[in-house]
Amino acid sequence: MSRASRICPHPGCPNLQPCPVHKRKPWEGSTRRQRLPRGWGRLRRLVLRRDPVCRICGLAPSTEVDHIRRGDDHSLGNLRGVCGPCHKEKTQREAADARH
């Protein structure tokens, strides 16, 4: 049995989900930003200076900070600089694992 389609939650939009006009933002509903520690910007800059090259592929410049182990451990030992594509791939893989 298939689930019934839902209407787009955007006020006044008659489209069914997934709405072609109002695409859902990947981090919509996430509390990750609120859980970051005070001084995250300083910590992020420190990690990116320490790891100027992506610690996953070793080729591209680091532009993002990755938590090596999932969760809210924001210690320097659990953070690494990574490039955008590697971070996106890792995050998608972790999300797929969590869904299963």
Protein backbone atom coordinates (compact mmCIF):
# COMPACT_ATOMS: atom_id res chain seq x y z
CA MET A 1 0.00 0.00 0.00
CA SER A 2 1.43 3.41 -0.90
CA ARG A 3 1.27 6.48 1.31
CA ALA A 4 -0.97 9.38 0.37
CA SER A 5 0.81 12.39 -1.08
CA ARG A 6 0.93 15.52 1.03
CA ILE A 7 0.32 19.07 -0.08
CA CYS A 8 3.26 21.48 -0.09
CA PRO A 9 3.48 23.16 3.35
CA HIS A 10 4.17 26.55 1.74
CA PRO A 11 1.06 28.73 2.37
CA GLY A 12 -1.21 28.91 -0.65
CA CYS A 13 0.73 26.38 -2.77
CA PRO A 14 -1.52 23.73 -4.33
CA ASN A 15 1.33 21.39 -5.40
CA LEU A 16 1.90 17.95 -3.93
CA GLN A 17 5.19 17.06 -2.28
CA PRO A 18 7.87 17.03 -3.47
CA CYS A 19 6.89 20.49 -4.67
CA PRO A 20 8.76 21.57 -7.82
CA VAL A 21 8.54 25.23 -6.73
CA HIS A 22 9.27 25.07 -2.99
CA LYS A 23 12.05 22.54 -2.61
CA ARG A 24 12.81 21.45 0.94
CA LYS A 25 16.07 22.75 2.36
CA PRO A 26 18.44 19.90 3.31
CA TRP A 27 18.91 21.07 6.91
CA GLU A 28 15.29 22.15 7.46
CA GLY A 29 14.21 21.13 10.94
CA SER A 30 17.76 20.47 12.13
CA THR A 31 18.85 21.77 15.53
CA ARG A 32 22.55 21.44 14.67
CA ARG A 33 23.23 25.18 14.57
CA GLN A 34 21.70 25.69 18.04
CA ARG A 35 23.85 22.86 19.44
CA LEU A 36 27.16 24.35 18.30
CA PRO A 37 29.27 25.64 21.20
CA ARG A 38 29.86 29.27 22.04
CA GLY A 39 32.90 30.38 20.05
CA TRP A 40 32.20 28.01 17.13
CA GLY A 41 33.42 30.61 14.61
CA ARG A 42 36.82 30.82 16.32
CA LEU A 43 37.07 27.03 16.59
CA ARG A 44 36.09 26.65 12.91
CA ARG A 45 38.79 29.11 11.81
CA LEU A 46 41.36 27.27 13.93
CA VAL A 47 40.51 23.92 12.30
CA LEU A 48 40.59 25.36 8.77
CA ARG A 49 44.01 26.92 9.44
CA ARG A 50 45.28 23.65 10.90
CA ASP A 51 43.89 21.61 7.96
CA PRO A 52 44.27 23.75 4.82
CA VAL A 53 43.78 20.69 2.56
CA CYS A 54 40.80 18.31 2.74
CA ARG A 55 41.55 15.52 5.20
CA ILE A 56 39.35 13.10 3.23
CA CYS A 57 40.51 13.43 -0.40
CA GLY A 58 43.80 15.23 0.26
CA LEU A 59 43.42 17.28 -2.93
CA ALA A 60 41.02 20.19 -2.52
CA PRO A 61 41.25 23.12 -0.10
CA SER A 62 39.34 22.71 3.16
CA THR A 63 36.31 24.97 3.26
CA GLU A 64 34.17 23.18 5.86
CA VAL A 65 34.65 21.59 9.27
CA ASP A 66 33.59 17.97 9.72
CA HIS A 67 32.83 16.12 12.95
CA ILE A 68 34.74 12.86 12.52
CA ARG A 69 32.45 10.97 14.89
CA ARG A 70 28.77 11.90 14.71
CA GLY A 71 27.28 13.82 17.58
CA ASP A 72 28.09 16.90 19.57
CA ASP A 73 31.76 16.29 20.41
CA HIS A 74 33.29 19.61 19.33
CA SER A 75 36.80 18.86 20.59
CA LEU A 76 39.72 19.55 18.26
CA GLY A 77 40.44 15.81 18.07
CA ASN A 78 36.99 15.19 16.58
CA LEU A 79 37.12 18.02 14.03
CA ARG A 80 38.84 18.16 10.66
CA GLY A 81 38.93 20.44 7.66
CA VAL A 82 37.31 19.03 4.53
CA CYS A 83 36.22 20.23 1.08
CA GLY A 84 32.54 20.78 0.29
CA PRO A 85 32.06 17.75 -1.98
CA CYS A 86 33.67 15.32 0.49
CA HIS A 87 31.63 16.76 3.38
CA LYS A 88 28.41 16.47 1.39
CA GLU A 89 29.14 12.86 0.42
CA LYS A 90 29.99 11.88 4.02
CA THR A 91 26.87 13.60 5.38
CA GLN A 92 24.61 11.92 2.81
CA ARG A 93 26.15 8.52 3.60
CA GLU A 94 25.60 9.04 7.35
CA ALA A 95 22.01 10.17 6.76
CA ALA A 96 21.31 7.08 4.65
CA ASP A 97 22.81 4.85 7.34
CA ALA A 98 20.67 6.53 10.01
CA ARG A 99 17.50 5.98 7.93
CA HIS A 100 18.23 2.25 7.71
